């Protein structure tokens, strides 16, 4: 196949960027999207030109590193698919393909298609962990957990932290990411002791990073390669309200903590 690629080129967050067009004349339909960019970069290097910078790692749809908006859609036109798992048979010979980085204020451009997503790491660091002593790993069936709850926790834990939800949201909200990371711990017994402080701290950090709020467009759910439901946002909001109420009650009675 032959494609016309329009790729965002930008040296860093402080410089202006622009779309630059390239001809991709030897595209196999069996290539992944990143392999197609690899071939383009080899051609650019051969010509003595600067290759296109983009994030990638496992290329198996697991790590969440690959991050680009393809024809206006985070990760591209195929639903429930990361960029690295998107294959060129999703396009037709002669197509024009527009490739841009994630667009959100908390995701400054490092170079070209690569952005700094450390803001998501800081949200995790604010509470996406269990710090209480749990001893050695228990047997898988030692703590009775209903199938409904365990399935929900696994659905939330499927989040790979790619940031597509932020890129898709008109508000640049990270609510789906934060809700998934809060919920997969808050749903389980191991996360129960710290659930209130977890949701308060992680939502506060999300706000501090400059992400927008959720207004129920549900674009995040549509763009998520792991199809995480916005129901987790509703659950996180309920957890936050309860935590704030308990915090206020405890403050009024002179107590600290509480679950």
Protein backbone atom coordinates (compact mmCIF):
# COMPACT_ATOMS: atom_id res chain seq x y z
CA UNK A 1 0.00 0.00 0.00
CA UNK A 2 0.87 3.64 -0.42
CA UNK A 3 -0.16 6.12 2.25
CA UNK A 4 0.18 9.84 2.80
CA UNK A 5 1.24 10.46 6.40
CA UNK A 6 0.72 13.81 8.11
CA UNK A 7 2.76 13.71 11.32
CA UNK A 8 3.05 16.28 14.10
CA UNK A 9 6.68 17.39 14.47
CA UNK A 10 7.75 19.43 17.50
CA UNK A 11 11.18 19.74 19.09
CA UNK A 12 9.91 20.21 22.67
CA UNK A 13 7.09 21.71 24.73
CA UNK A 14 8.51 25.24 24.43
CA UNK A 15 8.70 25.34 20.63
CA UNK A 16 5.94 25.56 18.05
CA UNK A 17 5.03 22.40 16.21
CA UNK A 18 3.57 21.69 12.80
CA UNK A 19 2.27 18.91 10.61
CA UNK A 20 4.81 17.48 8.19
CA UNK A 21 3.76 15.22 5.31
CA UNK A 22 5.55 12.02 4.28
CA UNK A 23 4.93 9.43 1.60
CA UNK A 24 4.88 5.83 2.81
CA UNK A 25 5.21 3.79 -0.38
CA UNK A 26 5.97 0.29 0.87
CA UNK A 27 3.39 -0.46 3.52
CA UNK A 28 2.43 -4.08 4.10
CA UNK A 29 -1.11 -4.66 5.41
CA UNK A 30 0.44 -7.11 7.90
CA UNK A 31 2.62 -4.43 9.51
CA UNK A 32 1.61 -3.00 12.84
CA UNK A 33 1.21 0.78 12.94
CA UNK A 34 4.46 1.13 14.87
CA UNK A 35 6.30 -1.09 12.39
CA UNK A 36 5.13 1.24 9.65
CA UNK A 37 6.62 4.16 11.59
CA UNK A 38 9.82 2.16 12.09
CA UNK A 39 10.15 1.80 8.30
CA UNK A 40 9.49 5.51 7.83
CA UNK A 41 12.16 6.35 10.41
CA UNK A 42 14.71 4.11 8.69
CA UNK A 43 14.06 5.98 5.46
CA UNK A 44 14.40 9.34 7.22
CA UNK A 45 17.68 8.27 8.88
CA UNK A 46 19.01 7.07 5.52
CA UNK A 47 18.27 10.54 4.10
CA UNK A 48 20.01 12.19 7.04
CA UNK A 49 16.76 13.53 8.46
CA UNK A 50 15.54 13.47 12.05
CA UNK A 51 13.40 10.39 12.79
CA UNK A 52 9.93 10.75 14.29
CA UNK A 53 10.00 10.36 18.07
CA UNK A 54 7.23 8.22 19.55
CA UNK A 55 6.73 6.16 22.72
CA UNK A 56 6.75 2.36 22.59
CA UNK A 57 7.87 -0.56 24.71
CA UNK A 58 6.27 -4.02 24.85
CA UNK A 59 4.35 -3.74 21.56
CA UNK A 60 1.93 -6.33 22.93
CA UNK A 61 -0.87 -4.04 24.10
CA UNK A 62 0.11 -4.41 27.76
CA UNK A 63 2.41 -1.60 28.88
CA UNK A 64 0.46 1.46 27.74
CA UNK A 65 3.54 3.19 26.34
CA UNK A 66 2.35 3.67 22.76
CA UNK A 67 0.32 6.85 22.62
CA UNK A 68 -0.78 8.73 19.55
CA UNK A 69 -3.95 10.11 18.05
CA UNK A 70 -4.60 8.62 14.62
CA UNK A 71 -7.10 10.41 12.39
CA UNK A 72 -8.53 12.13 15.45
CA UNK A 73 -8.96 8.95 17.53
CA UNK A 74 -6.63 7.95 20.38
CA UNK A 75 -4.94 4.67 19.36
CA UNK A 76 -6.69 4.72 15.97
CA UNK A 77 -9.89 3.47 14.34
CA UNK A 78 -10.08 -0.05 15.77
CA UNK A 79 -11.89 -0.26 19.09
CA UNK A 80 -10.33 -1.95 22.12
CA UNK A 81 -6.92 -1.87 20.41
CA UNK A 82 -3.69 -0.13 21.35
CA UNK A 83 -1.62 1.60 18.68
CA UNK A 84 0.97 -1.17 18.73
CA UNK A 85 -1.72 -3.78 18.02
CA UNK A 86 -3.32 -1.76 15.23
CA UNK A 87 -2.42 -3.25 11.85
CA UNK A 88 -2.19 -1.47 8.54
CA UNK A 89 -4.96 -3.61 7.04
CA UNK A 90 -7.23 -1.19 8.93
CA UNK A 91 -6.34 1.36 6.25
CA UNK A 92 -6.79 1.44 2.48
CA UNK A 93 -4.30 2.10 -0.30
CA UNK A 94 -4.08 5.84 -0.91
CA UNK A 95 -5.39 6.84 2.52
CA UNK A 96 -4.21 10.02 4.20
CA UNK A 97 -3.36 9.39 7.85
CA UNK A 98 -3.04 12.17 10.43
CA UNK A 99 -0.87 11.32 13.46
CA UNK A 100 -0.68 13.56 16.52
CA UNK A 101 0.40 13.28 20.18
CA UNK A 102 -1.94 13.13 23.17
CA UNK A 103 -3.37 16.65 23.59
CA UNK A 104 -3.72 17.69 27.24
CA UNK A 105 -2.09 20.41 29.32
CA UNK A 106 -0.72 17.92 31.91
CA UNK A 107 0.93 15.98 29.04
CA UNK A 108 3.65 18.33 27.71
CA UNK A 109 5.29 17.30 24.47
CA UNK A 110 8.76 15.82 24.89
CA UNK A 111 9.33 15.58 21.15
CA UNK A 112 7.04 14.93 18.18
CA UNK A 113 4.56 12.24 19.25
CA UNK A 114 6.14 11.53 22.66
CA UNK A 115 4.58 13.26 25.66
CA UNK A 116 5.42 13.35 29.36
CA UNK A 117 2.76 11.35 31.24
CA UNK A 118 4.46 11.59 34.64
CA UNK A 119 1.29 13.27 35.96
CA UNK A 120 -0.38 9.85 35.90
CA UNK A 121 2.52 8.39 37.90
CA UNK A 122 2.09 11.11 40.52
CA UNK A 123 -1.60 10.23 40.87
CA UNK A 124 -0.60 6.61 41.52
CA UNK A 125 2.05 7.72 44.01
CA UNK A 126 -0.60 9.67 45.92
CA UNK A 127 -2.45 6.52 46.93
CA UNK A 128 -2.50 3.75 44.34
CA UNK A 129 -0.90 1.22 46.66
CA UNK A 130 -1.44 -0.74 49.87
CA UNK A 131 0.96 0.26 52.65
CA UNK A 132 -0.41 -1.83 55.53
CA UNK A 133 1.51 -4.94 56.54
CA UNK A 134 -0.07 -7.90 54.78
CA UNK A 135 2.58 -10.54 55.42
CA UNK A 136 3.52 -13.10 52.78
CA UNK A 137 1.22 -13.60 49.78
CA UNK A 138 -1.88 -15.53 50.91
CA UNK A 139 -3.26 -18.57 49.16
CA UNK A 140 -5.54 -17.57 46.31
CA UNK A 141 -8.66 -18.78 48.12
CA UNK A 142 -7.71 -17.78 51.67
CA UNK A 143 -9.76 -14.57 51.62
CA UNK A 144 -13.33 -15.19 50.43
CA UNK A 145 -14.26 -12.62 47.78
CA UNK A 146 -17.43 -12.89 45.74
CA UNK A 147 -17.07 -13.45 42.01
CA UNK A 148 -18.94 -10.22 41.30
CA UNK A 149 -16.46 -8.16 43.33
CA UNK A 150 -13.38 -10.00 42.07
CA UNK A 151 -14.54 -9.56 38.46
CA UNK A 152 -15.12 -5.85 39.02
CA UNK A 153 -11.68 -5.43 40.58
CA UNK A 154 -10.08 -7.25 37.65
CA UNK A 155 -11.97 -5.05 35.18
CA UNK A 156 -10.58 -1.96 36.90
CA UNK A 157 -7.07 -3.45 37.15
CA UNK A 158 -7.04 -3.90 33.36
CA UNK A 159 -6.12 -0.20 33.02
CA UNK A 160 -2.68 0.07 31.40
CA UNK A 161 -2.25 3.77 32.14
CA UNK A 162 -1.84 4.84 28.53
CA UNK A 163 -3.76 8.10 28.92
CA UNK A 164 -6.10 7.60 25.94
CA UNK A 165 -8.99 8.56 28.21
CA UNK A 166 -7.39 11.96 28.80
CA UNK A 167 -6.63 12.48 25.10
CA UNK A 168 -10.21 11.60 24.12
CA UNK A 169 -11.97 13.72 26.75
CA UNK A 170 -13.05 17.23 25.64
CA UNK A 171 -12.18 18.36 29.17
CA UNK A 172 -8.82 16.59 29.35
CA UNK A 173 -10.09 14.62 32.33
CA UNK A 174 -8.19 11.78 33.97
CA UNK A 175 -11.24 10.58 35.89
CA UNK A 176 -11.42 7.17 34.18
CA UNK A 177 -7.74 6.47 34.84
CA UNK A 178 -7.97 7.61 38.46
CA UNK A 179 -11.24 5.76 39.04
CA UNK A 180 -9.78 2.51 37.72
CA UNK A 181 -6.71 2.80 39.92
CA UNK A 182 -8.78 3.71 42.99
CA UNK A 183 -11.44 1.07 42.42
CA UNK A 184 -9.30 -1.99 41.84
CA UNK A 185 -7.85 -1.54 45.35
CA UNK A 186 -10.93 -0.16 47.11
CA UNK A 187 -13.03 -3.11 45.98
CA UNK A 188 -10.79 -5.69 47.65
CA UNK A 189 -10.38 -6.49 51.37
CA UNK A 190 -6.66 -5.69 51.24
CA UNK A 191 -7.48 -2.11 50.17
CA UNK A 192 -10.22 -1.53 52.72
CA UNK A 193 -8.15 0.02 55.58
CA UNK A 194 -6.87 2.87 53.41
CA UNK A 195 -9.79 3.31 51.02
CA UNK A 196 -10.92 6.72 52.32
CA UNK A 197 -7.48 8.33 52.30
CA UNK A 198 -6.70 6.68 48.98
CA UNK A 199 -9.60 8.21 47.08
CA UNK A 200 -9.18 11.63 48.74
CA UNK A 201 -5.45 11.79 47.99
CA UNK A 202 -5.64 10.48 44.43
CA UNK A 203 -8.48 12.80 43.40
CA UNK A 204 -6.67 15.75 45.02
CA UNK A 205 -3.50 14.91 43.09
CA UNK A 206 -5.47 14.55 39.86
CA UNK A 207 -6.89 18.05 40.39
CA UNK A 208 -3.47 19.44 41.30
CA UNK A 209 -2.02 18.14 38.03
CA UNK A 210 -4.48 20.28 36.07
CA UNK A 211 -6.72 17.60 34.59
CA UNK A 212 -10.30 18.59 33.81
CA UNK A 213 -13.41 17.18 35.45
CA UNK A 214 -15.81 14.61 34.06
CA UNK A 215 -19.02 15.84 32.41
CA UNK A 216 -20.15 12.41 31.16
CA UNK A 217 -19.23 12.65 27.49
CA UNK A 218 -18.06 9.00 27.80
CA UNK A 219 -15.40 9.58 25.14
CA UNK A 220 -12.91 8.07 27.58
CA UNK A 221 -14.80 4.77 27.66
CA UNK A 222 -15.02 4.70 23.86
CA UNK A 223 -11.28 5.33 23.46
CA UNK A 224 -10.04 3.02 26.22
CA UNK A 225 -8.19 0.06 24.66
CA UNK A 226 -9.22 -2.08 27.65
CA UNK A 227 -12.88 -0.95 27.47
CA UNK A 228 -12.98 0.21 31.09
CA UNK A 229 -16.47 1.41 31.99
CA UNK A 230 -17.34 4.90 33.21
CA UNK A 231 -19.27 3.13 35.96
CA UNK A 232 -15.97 3.19 37.83
CA UNK A 233 -16.09 7.01 37.78
CA UNK A 234 -19.50 6.88 39.47
CA UNK A 235 -18.12 4.43 42.05
CA UNK A 236 -15.12 6.65 42.75
CA UNK A 237 -17.39 9.67 43.21
CA UNK A 238 -19.49 7.71 45.72
CA UNK A 239 -16.32 6.60 47.55
CA UNK A 240 -15.10 10.21 47.61
CA UNK A 241 -18.35 11.58 49.02
CA UNK A 242 -18.43 8.94 51.76
CA UNK A 243 -14.76 9.53 52.58
CA UNK A 244 -15.25 13.29 52.82
CA UNK A 245 -18.30 12.88 55.05
CA UNK A 246 -16.42 10.51 57.36
CA UNK A 247 -13.44 12.86 57.38
CA UNK A 248 -15.70 15.72 58.43
CA UNK A 249 -17.40 13.65 61.10
CA UNK A 250 -14.09 12.44 62.48
CA UNK A 251 -12.75 15.99 62.55
CA UNK A 252 -15.83 17.12 64.45
CA UNK A 253 -15.50 14.37 67.01
CA UNK A 254 -11.74 14.66 67.36
CA UNK A 255 -11.07 11.23 65.84
CA UNK A 256 -8.53 10.42 63.14
CA UNK A 257 -8.62 7.87 60.36
CA UNK A 258 -11.54 5.50 59.98
CA UNK A 259 -12.78 3.29 57.18
